[in-house]
Amino acid sequence: MDFLVKDETSKLKSVIIGIAKSSGGIPNLKDLYDPKSIENLISGNYPLEKDMINELENFSNLLIKHGVHVYRPDLIKDCNQIFVRDIGFVIDNFFFKSNILPNRAKEFKGVESILNDFSNKVISLPEDVHIEGGDLLYHDNYIFVGFYNKKDYPKLITARTNSNALEYLRDFFPNKIVKGLQLNKSLNNPFENILHLDCCLQIVGKDKAIIYPEAFTNQEDYNWLVSFFGMDNIFKISNNEMYEMTSNVLSIDYNTVISQPIFKRLNNWLESKGFSVEKVDLSEVSKQEGLFRCSSLPLIRN
């Protein structure tokens, strides 16, 4: 069995879905990595483990109902293993192990036994190449990469992908087009922080996209996306919708999208475009600034 991912939206065959069991309980403020988790901890609204376990089970069961082979990570005690998208990604037949934040490095051990079921070699990135799976979208012959390139990158814990990742992917895939999109970041304001590219851009179907226009440091990047997809094929989300993770949906196939029930404006648009929308509530999971795409790691799509 080989890894195989050719795009974001073809038929999902095998996927890892994160787990919330033994996720470490209510954390200390110093141990959090994103402004939305910090906001919810300070407000007393941090998600409970039992609620996130239930939500992820519902998500997993829906995928199984659609014939998807669902893997779950091996349990690592007192470790948050929900956001498996961060720890790796597949392009074509290659699985790349992310250079994740050092304090989260042990999360990869939870998926090693799953990856051993595949015949392909797992590729470790060079130490100076930082990229997490949420910052990468694959569409046609394009690899879209969300990155951050300002001088404060080493100190900005919400900046997960650097410009070295662009050059690495261009060298590794010389026949593909690697399109870098620089993202706005904030350490303390979840309304201004774009943690990953899939928090502001998502591809649905064969030619449509969900986009938050203000996510990009350079206006020309948004203009390029409009030119690429065409305005009629774009669903623009507001600042509040970005905060609610409205772009972080997951496609089961070209015609079926998993979305939150509360995303009524998006869901109506998708249905008007002929998509079938499967609704699952991940509201508690989303309090940690991640949703369907963040908590899933596709291994086979075709």
Protein backbone atom coordinates (compact mmCIF):
# COMPACT_ATOMS: atom_id res chain seq x y z
CA MET A 1 0.00 0.00 0.00
CA ASP A 2 1.37 3.38 -1.03
CA PHE A 3 0.67 6.92 0.07
CA LEU A 4 -1.21 8.80 -2.65
CA VAL A 5 -2.61 12.32 -2.45
CA LYS A 6 -3.05 14.23 -5.72
CA ASP A 7 -5.25 17.08 -4.54
CA GLU A 8 -7.52 18.35 -1.76
CA THR A 9 -10.88 17.08 -2.95
CA SER A 10 -10.76 13.75 -4.80
CA LYS A 11 -12.15 10.62 -3.11
CA LEU A 12 -10.77 10.26 0.39
CA LYS A 13 -9.76 6.62 0.93
CA SER A 14 -7.51 6.61 4.03
CA VAL A 15 -7.05 9.25 6.71
CA ILE A 16 -5.71 9.74 10.23
CA ILE A 17 -8.18 11.50 12.55
CA GLY A 18 -6.83 13.03 15.74
CA ILE A 19 -7.73 11.88 19.24
CA ALA A 20 -8.51 13.90 22.37
CA LYS A 21 -8.20 11.20 25.04
CA SER A 22 -5.52 11.99 27.64
CA SER A 23 -4.90 15.34 25.98
CA GLY A 24 -3.45 16.81 29.14
CA GLY A 25 -6.48 18.45 30.73
CA ILE A 26 -6.72 22.21 31.22
CA PRO A 27 -3.23 23.53 30.35
CA ASN A 28 -1.17 26.29 31.86
CA LEU A 29 -1.17 29.55 29.94
CA LYS A 30 2.56 29.25 29.18
CA ASP A 31 1.98 25.92 27.41
CA LEU A 32 -0.42 27.26 24.76
CA TYR A 33 0.62 27.99 21.18
CA ASP A 34 -2.15 30.08 19.65
CA PRO A 35 -4.22 33.14 20.62
CA LYS A 36 -7.62 31.45 20.40
CA SER A 37 -6.67 28.75 22.91
CA ILE A 38 -5.27 31.50 25.15
CA GLU A 39 -8.48 33.52 24.83
CA ASN A 40 -10.64 30.54 25.80
CA LEU A 41 -8.42 29.59 28.72
CA ILE A 42 -8.49 33.12 30.15
CA SER A 43 -12.29 33.36 29.72
CA GLY A 44 -12.87 30.01 31.45
CA ASN A 45 -14.18 28.54 28.22
CA TYR A 46 -11.39 26.07 27.45
CA PRO A 47 -12.81 22.85 25.92
CA LEU A 48 -13.28 19.73 28.04
CA GLU A 49 -11.59 16.53 26.97
CA LYS A 50 -14.81 14.47 27.10
CA ASP A 51 -16.58 16.86 24.73
CA MET A 52 -13.73 16.83 22.21
CA ILE A 53 -13.55 13.02 22.36
CA ASN A 54 -17.23 12.86 21.48
CA GLU A 55 -16.92 15.37 18.62
CA LEU A 56 -13.96 13.56 17.05
CA GLU A 57 -15.78 10.22 17.33
CA ASN A 58 -18.73 11.70 15.43
CA PHE A 59 -16.35 13.05 12.79
CA SER A 60 -14.62 9.68 12.47
CA ASN A 61 -17.90 7.75 12.28
CA LEU A 62 -19.18 9.99 9.50
CA LEU A 63 -16.08 9.28 7.43
CA ILE A 64 -16.44 5.54 8.05
CA LYS A 65 -20.06 5.77 6.88
CA HIS A 66 -18.71 7.17 3.61
CA GLY A 67 -16.34 4.23 3.18
CA VAL A 68 -13.18 5.97 4.35
CA HIS A 69 -10.53 3.91 6.18
CA VAL A 70 -9.96 5.84 9.39
CA TYR A 71 -6.79 5.44 11.43
CA ARG A 72 -6.40 6.87 14.94
CA PRO A 73 -3.04 7.69 16.56
CA ASP A 74 -1.58 5.48 19.27
CA LEU A 75 -2.27 7.09 22.62
CA ILE A 76 0.49 9.17 24.20
CA LYS A 77 -0.46 9.97 27.79
CA ASP A 78 -1.04 13.64 28.63
CA CYS A 79 -0.41 14.76 25.04
CA ASN A 80 -2.71 16.77 22.78
CA GLN A 81 -2.99 14.61 19.63
CA ILE A 82 -5.95 16.32 18.01
CA PHE A 83 -4.30 18.31 15.23
CA VAL A 84 -2.59 15.60 13.22
CA ARG A 85 -2.42 17.80 10.11
CA ASP A 86 0.46 19.68 11.72
CA ILE A 87 2.79 16.70 11.98
CA GLY A 88 3.01 15.67 8.33
CA PHE A 89 1.57 15.80 4.84
CA VAL A 90 1.39 13.71 1.67
CA ILE A 91 2.10 14.98 -1.84
CA ASP A 92 1.76 12.34 -4.56
CA ASN A 93 3.44 9.21 -3.12
CA PHE A 94 5.60 11.02 -0.57
CA PHE A 95 4.92 11.46 3.15
CA PHE A 96 6.83 14.38 4.63
CA LYS A 97 7.42 14.57 8.38
CA SER A 98 7.00 18.17 9.52
CA ASN A 99 9.54 20.02 11.61
CA ILE A 100 6.92 20.82 14.22
CA LEU A 101 7.31 23.03 17.32
CA PRO A 102 9.86 21.32 19.60
CA ASN A 103 7.39 20.98 22.48
CA ARG A 104 5.04 19.04 20.18
CA ALA A 105 7.61 16.75 18.57
CA LYS A 106 6.44 13.66 20.47
CA GLU A 107 3.07 13.77 18.68
CA PHE A 108 4.67 12.09 15.66
CA LYS A 109 5.30 8.93 17.69
CA GLY A 110 1.54 8.43 17.81
CA VAL A 111 1.32 7.90 14.03
CA GLU A 112 4.55 5.99 13.38
CA SER A 113 2.89 2.56 13.56
CA ILE A 114 0.27 3.70 11.03
CA LEU A 115 2.90 4.92 8.59
CA ASN A 116 4.69 1.58 8.87
CA ASP A 117 1.70 0.00 7.09
CA PHE A 118 2.76 1.85 3.94
CA SER A 119 5.60 0.82 1.68
CA ASN A 120 6.84 4.34 0.96
CA LYS A 121 9.63 5.92 2.90
CA VAL A 122 8.81 8.78 5.28
CA ILE A 123 10.85 11.85 4.34
CA SER A 124 12.34 14.00 7.08
CA LEU A 125 12.78 17.65 6.18
CA PRO A 126 16.11 19.44 6.60
CA GLU A 127 16.40 21.17 9.96
CA ASP A 128 16.12 24.67 8.49
CA VAL A 129 12.96 23.84 6.49
CA HIS A 130 9.86 24.53 8.56
CA ILE A 131 6.46 23.56 7.21
CA GLU A 132 3.28 22.20 8.80
CA GLY A 133 0.55 20.41 6.87
CA GLY A 134 -2.02 23.12 7.48
CA ASP A 135 0.11 25.56 5.50
CA LEU A 136 0.06 23.45 2.35
CA LEU A 137 -2.75 22.96 -0.19
CA TYR A 138 -2.32 20.88 -3.35
CA HIS A 139 -4.42 21.67 -6.42
CA ASP A 140 -3.84 20.57 -10.01
CA ASN A 141 -0.12 21.12 -10.51
CA TYR A 142 0.05 23.86 -7.88
CA ILE A 143 1.31 23.60 -4.33
CA PHE A 144 0.02 26.57 -2.32
CA VAL A 145 2.19 27.30 0.71
CA GLY A 146 1.30 29.72 3.48
CA PHE A 147 4.45 31.14 5.06
CA TYR A 148 5.88 33.97 7.14
CA ASN A 149 9.10 35.75 6.22
CA LYS A 150 9.56 38.74 8.54
CA LYS A 151 12.55 39.21 10.84
CA ASP A 152 10.60 38.24 13.97
CA TYR A 153 9.92 34.74 12.61
CA PRO A 154 12.15 32.98 15.20
CA LYS A 155 10.22 34.59 18.07
CA LEU A 156 6.72 34.23 16.62
CA ILE A 157 5.28 30.92 17.79
CA THR A 158 2.25 31.32 15.49
CA ALA A 159 4.56 31.37 12.45
CA ARG A 160 4.95 27.70 11.49
CA THR A 161 6.26 27.72 7.92
CA ASN A 162 9.27 29.65 6.60
CA SER A 163 10.46 30.69 3.15
CA ASN A 164 13.00 27.83 3.10
CA ALA A 165 10.02 25.51 2.66
CA LEU A 166 9.23 27.12 -0.70
CA GLU A 167 12.70 26.47 -2.08
CA TYR A 168 12.76 22.93 -0.71
CA LEU A 169 9.46 22.03 -2.39
CA ARG A 170 10.55 23.65 -5.67
CA ASP A 171 13.69 21.55 -5.66
CA PHE A 172 11.84 18.36 -4.69
CA PHE A 173 9.03 18.88 -7.24
CA PRO A 174 10.68 20.69 -10.18
CA ASN A 175 7.66 20.06 -12.43
CA LYS A 176 5.14 21.60 -10.04
CA ILE A 177 4.36 25.26 -9.38
CA VAL A 178 4.97 26.26 -5.76
CA LYS A 179 2.97 29.40 -4.96
CA GLY A 180 3.95 31.12 -1.70
CA LEU A 181 1.30 33.16 0.14
CA GLN A 182 2.57 35.21 3.08
CA LEU A 183 0.14 35.20 6.01
CA ASN A 184 -0.64 37.75 8.72
CA LYS A 185 0.24 36.61 12.25
CA SER A 186 -0.56 37.66 15.79
CA LEU A 187 0.52 36.22 19.13
CA ASN A 188 -2.46 37.52 21.08
CA ASN A 189 -5.39 38.40 18.79
CA PRO A 190 -7.26 35.47 17.20
CA PHE A 191 -9.09 37.89 14.90
CA GLU A 192 -5.75 38.92 13.37
CA ASN A 193 -3.87 35.62 13.46
CA ILE A 194 -3.82 33.25 10.47
CA LEU A 195 -2.33 30.19 12.12
CA HIS A 196 -2.17 28.16 8.88
CA LEU A 197 -3.12 28.63 5.25
CA ASP A 198 -6.19 26.41 5.65
CA CYS A 199 -7.52 28.96 8.16
CA CYS A 200 -8.03 31.40 5.28
CA LEU A 201 -8.05 29.33 2.07
CA GLN A 202 -9.75 26.08 1.20
CA ILE A 203 -10.41 24.39 -2.12
CA VAL A 204 -13.74 22.63 -2.72
CA GLY A 205 -14.80 20.62 -5.74
CA LYS A 206 -12.61 20.91 -8.82
CA ASP A 207 -12.42 24.68 -9.19
CA LYS A 208 -13.90 26.55 -6.21
CA ALA A 209 -12.36 28.15 -3.14
CA ILE A 210 -13.25 29.60 0.25
CA ILE A 211 -11.08 32.65 0.96
CA TYR A 212 -10.59 35.24 3.69
CA PRO A 213 -9.24 38.21 1.69
CA GLU A 214 -7.57 40.04 4.58
CA ALA A 215 -5.41 37.05 5.54
CA PHE A 216 -2.59 37.88 3.18
CA THR A 217 0.28 40.23 3.93
CA ASN A 218 0.49 41.17 0.27
CA GLN A 219 -2.71 42.26 -1.49
CA GLU A 220 -1.35 40.93 -4.77
CA ASP A 221 -1.56 37.37 -3.38
CA TYR A 222 -5.30 37.72 -2.91
CA ASN A 223 -5.61 39.30 -6.35
CA TRP A 224 -3.71 36.36 -7.82
CA LEU A 225 -6.09 33.89 -6.17
CA VAL A 226 -9.09 35.77 -7.58
CA SER A 227 -7.54 35.61 -11.03
CA PHE A 228 -6.71 31.91 -10.59
CA PHE A 229 -10.10 30.68 -9.34
CA GLY A 230 -12.37 33.40 -10.77
CA MET A 231 -14.62 35.56 -8.59
CA ASP A 232 -17.71 33.48 -9.42
CA ASN A 233 -16.01 30.43 -7.92
CA ILE A 234 -14.95 32.10 -4.67
CA PHE A 235 -16.82 32.25 -1.36
CA LYS A 236 -15.42 35.19 0.61
CA ILE A 237 -15.58 34.88 4.39
CA SER A 238 -15.68 37.71 6.92
CA ASN A 239 -13.36 38.33 9.85
CA ASN A 240 -15.83 36.68 12.23
CA GLU A 241 -16.18 33.69 9.91
CA MET A 242 -12.40 33.35 9.76
CA TYR A 243 -12.33 33.42 13.57
CA GLU A 244 -14.90 30.60 13.60
CA MET A 245 -12.66 28.58 11.21
CA THR A 246 -15.18 28.66 8.36
CA SER A 247 -12.59 27.77 5.70
CA ASN A 248 -11.40 24.72 7.65
CA VAL A 249 -13.80 22.22 6.09
CA LEU A 250 -12.86 18.81 4.68
CA SER A 251 -13.83 17.28 1.34
CA ILE A 252 -14.75 13.59 1.19
CA ASP A 253 -14.84 13.78 -2.59
CA TYR A 254 -15.38 16.32 -5.36
CA ASN A 255 -19.06 16.66 -4.45
CA THR A 256 -19.18 16.16 -0.66
CA VAL A 257 -17.93 18.54 2.03
CA ILE A 258 -17.92 18.18 5.82
CA SER A 259 -18.81 21.44 7.54
CA GLN A 260 -20.05 22.88 10.83
CA PRO A 261 -23.85 23.21 11.28
CA ILE A 262 -23.34 26.85 12.32
CA PHE A 263 -21.70 27.73 8.99
CA LYS A 264 -25.11 28.44 7.48
CA ARG A 265 -23.99 31.03 4.94
CA LEU A 266 -21.21 28.79 3.64
CA ASN A 267 -23.38 25.67 3.68
CA ASN A 268 -26.11 27.41 1.68
CA TRP A 269 -23.54 28.54 -0.88
CA LEU A 270 -22.07 25.06 -1.18
CA GLU A 271 -25.50 23.52 -1.66
CA SER A 272 -26.38 26.16 -4.24
CA LYS A 273 -23.28 25.06 -6.17
CA GLY A 274 -24.42 21.42 -6.13
CA PHE A 275 -22.38 20.11 -3.20
CA SER A 276 -23.69 17.68 -0.61
CA VAL A 277 -22.88 19.10 2.82
CA GLU A 278 -22.39 16.72 5.75
CA LYS A 279 -22.71 18.59 9.03
CA VAL A 280 -20.78 17.60 12.16
CA ASP A 281 -20.31 19.76 15.24
CA LEU A 282 -16.67 20.34 16.23
CA SER A 283 -17.34 23.52 18.21
CA GLU A 284 -15.30 22.44 21.23
CA VAL A 285 -12.33 21.33 19.13
CA SER A 286 -12.42 24.67 17.32
CA LYS A 287 -11.70 26.50 20.58
CA GLN A 288 -8.08 25.43 20.06
CA GLU A 289 -7.96 27.18 16.64
CA GLY A 290 -8.46 24.07 14.50
CA LEU A 291 -11.33 22.27 12.83
CA PHE A 292 -11.96 19.49 10.28
CA ARG A 293 -8.87 19.90 8.12
CA CYS A 294 -6.59 20.49 11.10
CA SER A 295 -7.70 17.28 12.81
CA SER A 296 -7.34 15.08 9.72
CA LEU A 297 -4.29 13.81 7.82
CA PRO A 298 -5.17 12.21 4.45
CA LEU A 299 -2.94 9.34 3.38
CA ILE A 300 -4.77 8.20 0.24
CA ARG A 301 -6.99 10.20 -2.12
CA ASN A 302 -7.75 9.16 -5.69
